[in-house]
Amino acid sequence: TANAPIFGIDRDGKVSEWNRKTAEITGFSKSEAMGKSLVNTFIHTDHRASVSDVLTRALFGDESSNYELPLFTKAGEQRDILLNA
């Protein structure tokens, strides 16, 4: 079991992996997150364009490290996590 939040997206930006730590941090269970658009569901509108850009570049092999990803919790709180993609 990982002590770090681990999640994955497919080429369409839909959640394809959501580990227990990510569920703990966000309050969204794996079943609630799977298949949902990561950016449109879990990222505030103010950050969607920049997050989408980082994720798109990562899918094409342009790696990012220590990007502050602002995830929103089920309770509506923002949690910043460091993304390495």
N, C-alpha and C. Protein backbone atom coordinates (compact mmCIF):
# COMPACT_ATOMS: atom_id res chain seq x y z
N THR A 1 0.84 -1.18 0.00
CA THR A 1 0.00 0.00 0.00
C THR A 1 0.88 1.24 0.00
N ALA A 2 0.63 2.14 -0.92
CA ALA A 2 1.42 3.36 -1.04
C ALA A 2 0.99 4.39 -0.01
N ASN A 3 1.96 5.12 0.52
CA ASN A 3 1.66 6.22 1.44
C ASN A 3 1.52 7.54 0.71
N ALA A 4 1.54 7.49 -0.60
CA ALA A 4 1.42 8.68 -1.43
C ALA A 4 0.18 8.55 -2.30
N PRO A 5 -0.44 9.69 -2.63
CA PRO A 5 -1.57 9.61 -3.55
C PRO A 5 -1.09 9.24 -4.95
N ILE A 6 -1.70 8.23 -5.52
CA ILE A 6 -1.38 7.80 -6.87
C ILE A 6 -2.68 7.73 -7.65
N PHE A 7 -2.71 8.42 -8.77
CA PHE A 7 -3.87 8.34 -9.65
C PHE A 7 -3.37 8.34 -11.08
N GLY A 8 -4.18 7.84 -11.97
CA GLY A 8 -3.83 7.81 -13.38
C GLY A 8 -5.00 8.27 -14.21
N ILE A 9 -4.66 8.73 -15.41
CA ILE A 9 -5.70 9.11 -16.37
C ILE A 9 -5.40 8.43 -17.70
N ASP A 10 -6.44 8.23 -18.47
CA ASP A 10 -6.26 7.69 -19.82
C ASP A 10 -6.04 8.85 -20.80
N ARG A 11 -5.98 8.55 -22.06
CA ARG A 11 -5.71 9.57 -23.09
C ARG A 11 -6.80 10.63 -23.18
N ASP A 12 -7.98 10.30 -22.68
CA ASP A 12 -9.09 11.25 -22.70
C ASP A 12 -9.19 12.06 -21.41
N GLY A 13 -8.23 11.85 -20.50
CA GLY A 13 -8.22 12.59 -19.24
C GLY A 13 -9.15 12.03 -18.19
N LYS A 14 -9.66 10.82 -18.44
CA LYS A 14 -10.55 10.16 -17.48
C LYS A 14 -9.73 9.38 -16.47
N VAL A 15 -10.17 9.39 -15.22
CA VAL A 15 -9.46 8.69 -14.15
C VAL A 15 -9.46 7.19 -14.42
N SER A 16 -8.26 6.60 -14.44
CA SER A 16 -8.12 5.17 -14.68
C SER A 16 -7.47 4.45 -13.49
N GLU A 17 -6.96 5.21 -12.54
CA GLU A 17 -6.39 4.67 -11.31
C GLU A 17 -6.61 5.68 -10.20
N TRP A 18 -6.89 5.20 -9.00
CA TRP A 18 -7.20 6.07 -7.86
C TRP A 18 -6.92 5.25 -6.62
N ASN A 19 -5.76 5.45 -6.01
CA ASN A 19 -5.41 4.58 -4.89
C ASN A 19 -6.07 5.04 -3.58
N ARG A 20 -5.85 4.24 -2.56
CA ARG A 20 -6.48 4.48 -1.26
C ARG A 20 -6.09 5.83 -0.67
N LYS A 21 -4.83 6.23 -0.83
CA LYS A 21 -4.37 7.51 -0.28
C LYS A 21 -5.05 8.68 -1.00
N THR A 22 -5.24 8.58 -2.31
CA THR A 22 -5.94 9.63 -3.05
C THR A 22 -7.38 9.72 -2.56
N ALA A 23 -8.01 8.58 -2.34
CA ALA A 23 -9.38 8.56 -1.81
C ALA A 23 -9.43 9.19 -0.42
N GLU A 24 -8.43 8.89 0.40
CA GLU A 24 -8.37 9.45 1.75
C GLU A 24 -8.23 10.97 1.72
N ILE A 25 -7.37 11.47 0.85
CA ILE A 25 -7.13 12.91 0.76
C ILE A 25 -8.33 13.66 0.20
N THR A 26 -8.97 13.09 -0.82
CA THR A 26 -10.05 13.80 -1.51
C THR A 26 -11.43 13.53 -0.94
N GLY A 27 -11.60 12.38 -0.30
CA GLY A 27 -12.92 12.00 0.18
C GLY A 27 -13.75 11.29 -0.89
N PHE A 28 -13.22 11.21 -2.11
CA PHE A 28 -13.90 10.49 -3.19
C PHE A 28 -13.37 9.06 -3.25
N SER A 29 -14.25 8.09 -3.20
CA SER A 29 -13.82 6.70 -3.29
C SER A 29 -13.34 6.41 -4.71
N LYS A 30 -12.66 5.29 -4.85
CA LYS A 30 -12.19 4.88 -6.17
C LYS A 30 -13.38 4.73 -7.13
N SER A 31 -14.45 4.13 -6.66
CA SER A 31 -15.61 3.92 -7.55
C SER A 31 -16.25 5.25 -7.95
N GLU A 32 -16.19 6.26 -7.09
CA GLU A 32 -16.73 7.58 -7.43
C GLU A 32 -15.86 8.30 -8.46
N ALA A 33 -14.56 8.05 -8.42
CA ALA A 33 -13.62 8.77 -9.28
C ALA A 33 -13.40 8.12 -10.64
N MET A 34 -13.45 6.81 -10.69
CA MET A 34 -13.11 6.09 -11.92
C MET A 34 -14.00 6.52 -13.08
N GLY A 35 -13.35 6.80 -14.21
CA GLY A 35 -14.07 7.16 -15.42
C GLY A 35 -14.47 8.62 -15.51
N LYS A 36 -14.28 9.38 -14.44
CA LYS A 36 -14.61 10.81 -14.45
C LYS A 36 -13.45 11.61 -15.02
N SER A 37 -13.74 12.74 -15.61
CA SER A 37 -12.70 13.64 -16.09
C SER A 37 -11.96 14.21 -14.88
N LEU A 38 -10.66 13.98 -14.81
CA LEU A 38 -9.88 14.49 -13.68
C LEU A 38 -9.99 16.00 -13.60
N VAL A 39 -9.75 16.68 -14.71
CA VAL A 39 -9.72 18.14 -14.72
C VAL A 39 -11.10 18.73 -14.45
N ASN A 40 -12.12 18.24 -15.14
CA ASN A 40 -13.46 18.83 -15.01
C ASN A 40 -14.16 18.47 -13.70
N THR A 41 -13.74 17.40 -13.07
CA THR A 41 -14.41 16.95 -11.85
C THR A 41 -13.68 17.35 -10.58
N PHE A 42 -12.35 17.31 -10.60
CA PHE A 42 -11.58 17.46 -9.37
C PHE A 42 -10.70 18.70 -9.32
N ILE A 43 -10.73 19.53 -10.35
CA ILE A 43 -9.90 20.73 -10.41
C ILE A 43 -10.80 21.96 -10.52
N HIS A 44 -10.53 22.98 -9.72
CA HIS A 44 -11.30 24.22 -9.74
C HIS A 44 -11.16 24.87 -11.12
N THR A 45 -12.20 25.55 -11.55
CA THR A 45 -12.21 26.18 -12.88
C THR A 45 -11.03 27.13 -13.08
N ASP A 46 -10.58 27.79 -12.03
CA ASP A 46 -9.46 28.73 -12.16
C ASP A 46 -8.16 28.05 -12.57
N HIS A 47 -8.03 26.75 -12.32
CA HIS A 47 -6.78 26.02 -12.57
C HIS A 47 -6.89 25.02 -13.71
N ARG A 48 -8.06 24.86 -14.28
CA ARG A 48 -8.26 23.80 -15.27
C ARG A 48 -7.37 23.91 -16.49
N ALA A 49 -7.18 25.12 -17.01
CA ALA A 49 -6.37 25.27 -18.23
C ALA A 49 -4.92 24.87 -17.97
N SER A 50 -4.33 25.32 -16.87
CA SER A 50 -2.92 25.01 -16.60
C SER A 50 -2.74 23.53 -16.27
N VAL A 51 -3.67 22.96 -15.51
CA VAL A 51 -3.57 21.53 -15.18
C VAL A 51 -3.74 20.69 -16.44
N SER A 52 -4.69 21.05 -17.27
CA SER A 52 -4.91 20.34 -18.52
C SER A 52 -3.66 20.37 -19.40
N ASP A 53 -3.00 21.52 -19.44
CA ASP A 53 -1.78 21.66 -20.24
C ASP A 53 -0.68 20.73 -19.71
N VAL A 54 -0.47 20.72 -18.41
CA VAL A 54 0.56 19.86 -17.81
C VAL A 54 0.26 18.39 -18.09
N LEU A 55 -0.98 17.98 -17.93
CA LEU A 55 -1.35 16.59 -18.15
C LEU A 55 -1.24 16.19 -19.62
N THR A 56 -1.64 17.08 -20.51
CA THR A 56 -1.53 16.79 -21.94
C THR A 56 -0.07 16.62 -22.33
N ARG A 57 0.79 17.52 -21.86
CA ARG A 57 2.22 17.41 -22.16
C ARG A 57 2.79 16.11 -21.61
N ALA A 58 2.35 15.71 -20.42
CA ALA A 58 2.83 14.46 -19.82
C ALA A 58 2.44 13.26 -20.67
N LEU A 59 1.21 13.28 -21.19
CA LEU A 59 0.76 12.17 -22.04
C LEU A 59 1.58 12.05 -23.32
N PHE A 60 2.21 13.15 -23.74
CA PHE A 60 3.05 13.13 -24.93
C PHE A 60 4.53 13.02 -24.58
N GLY A 61 4.83 12.67 -23.32
CA GLY A 61 6.21 12.40 -22.94
C GLY A 61 6.99 13.57 -22.38
N ASP A 62 6.38 14.73 -22.26
CA ASP A 62 7.06 15.90 -21.69
C ASP A 62 6.80 15.89 -20.19
N GLU A 63 7.76 15.38 -19.45
CA GLU A 63 7.57 15.17 -18.02
C GLU A 63 7.58 16.48 -17.22
N SER A 64 6.81 16.48 -16.16
CA SER A 64 6.78 17.58 -15.21
C SER A 64 7.10 17.01 -13.83
N SER A 65 7.78 17.79 -13.03
CA SER A 65 8.04 17.33 -11.66
C SER A 65 7.72 18.45 -10.69
N ASN A 66 7.18 18.03 -9.56
CA ASN A 66 6.84 18.95 -8.47
C ASN A 66 5.88 20.07 -8.90
N TYR A 67 4.93 19.72 -9.76
CA TYR A 67 3.88 20.66 -10.15
C TYR A 67 2.82 20.62 -9.05
N GLU A 68 2.43 21.77 -8.54
CA GLU A 68 1.41 21.83 -7.50
C GLU A 68 0.03 21.66 -8.12
N LEU A 69 -0.54 20.50 -7.88
CA LEU A 69 -1.85 20.15 -8.43
C LEU A 69 -2.92 20.44 -7.40
N PRO A 70 -3.83 21.37 -7.70
CA PRO A 70 -4.87 21.74 -6.74
C PRO A 70 -6.12 20.86 -6.89
N LEU A 71 -6.17 19.77 -6.13
CA LEU A 71 -7.34 18.88 -6.16
C LEU A 71 -8.39 19.38 -5.18
N PHE A 72 -9.64 19.23 -5.55
CA PHE A 72 -10.72 19.58 -4.64
C PHE A 72 -11.27 18.32 -3.98
N THR A 73 -11.60 18.44 -2.71
CA THR A 73 -12.14 17.32 -1.96
C THR A 73 -13.65 17.27 -2.12
N LYS A 74 -14.21 16.19 -1.65
CA LYS A 74 -15.67 16.03 -1.68
C LYS A 74 -16.34 17.12 -0.85
N ALA A 75 -15.65 17.60 0.19
CA ALA A 75 -16.18 18.65 1.06
C ALA A 75 -15.96 20.05 0.48
N GLY A 76 -15.33 20.13 -0.72
CA GLY A 76 -15.13 21.42 -1.36
C GLY A 76 -13.86 22.14 -0.96
N GLU A 77 -12.98 21.47 -0.24
CA GLU A 77 -11.72 22.07 0.16
C GLU A 77 -10.65 21.78 -0.87
N GLN A 78 -9.71 22.69 -1.01
CA GLN A 78 -8.61 22.49 -1.95
C GLN A 78 -7.45 21.82 -1.23
N ARG A 79 -6.88 20.80 -1.87
CA ARG A 79 -5.69 20.11 -1.38
C ARG A 79 -4.64 20.19 -2.48
N ASP A 80 -3.53 20.84 -2.17
CA ASP A 80 -2.44 20.92 -3.15
C ASP A 80 -1.52 19.73 -2.96
N ILE A 81 -1.32 18.97 -4.02
CA ILE A 81 -0.39 17.85 -3.98
C ILE A 81 0.65 18.06 -5.06
N LEU A 82 1.84 17.52 -4.83
CA LEU A 82 2.90 17.64 -5.83
C LEU A 82 2.72 16.53 -6.86
N LEU A 83 2.69 16.93 -8.10
CA LEU A 83 2.48 16.00 -9.21
C LEU A 83 3.80 15.79 -9.93
N ASN A 84 4.13 14.54 -10.14
CA ASN A 84 5.25 14.16 -11.00
C ASN A 84 4.65 13.30 -12.09
N ALA A 85 4.71 13.79 -13.32
CA ALA A 85 4.07 13.08 -14.42
C ALA A 85 5.02 12.97 -15.60
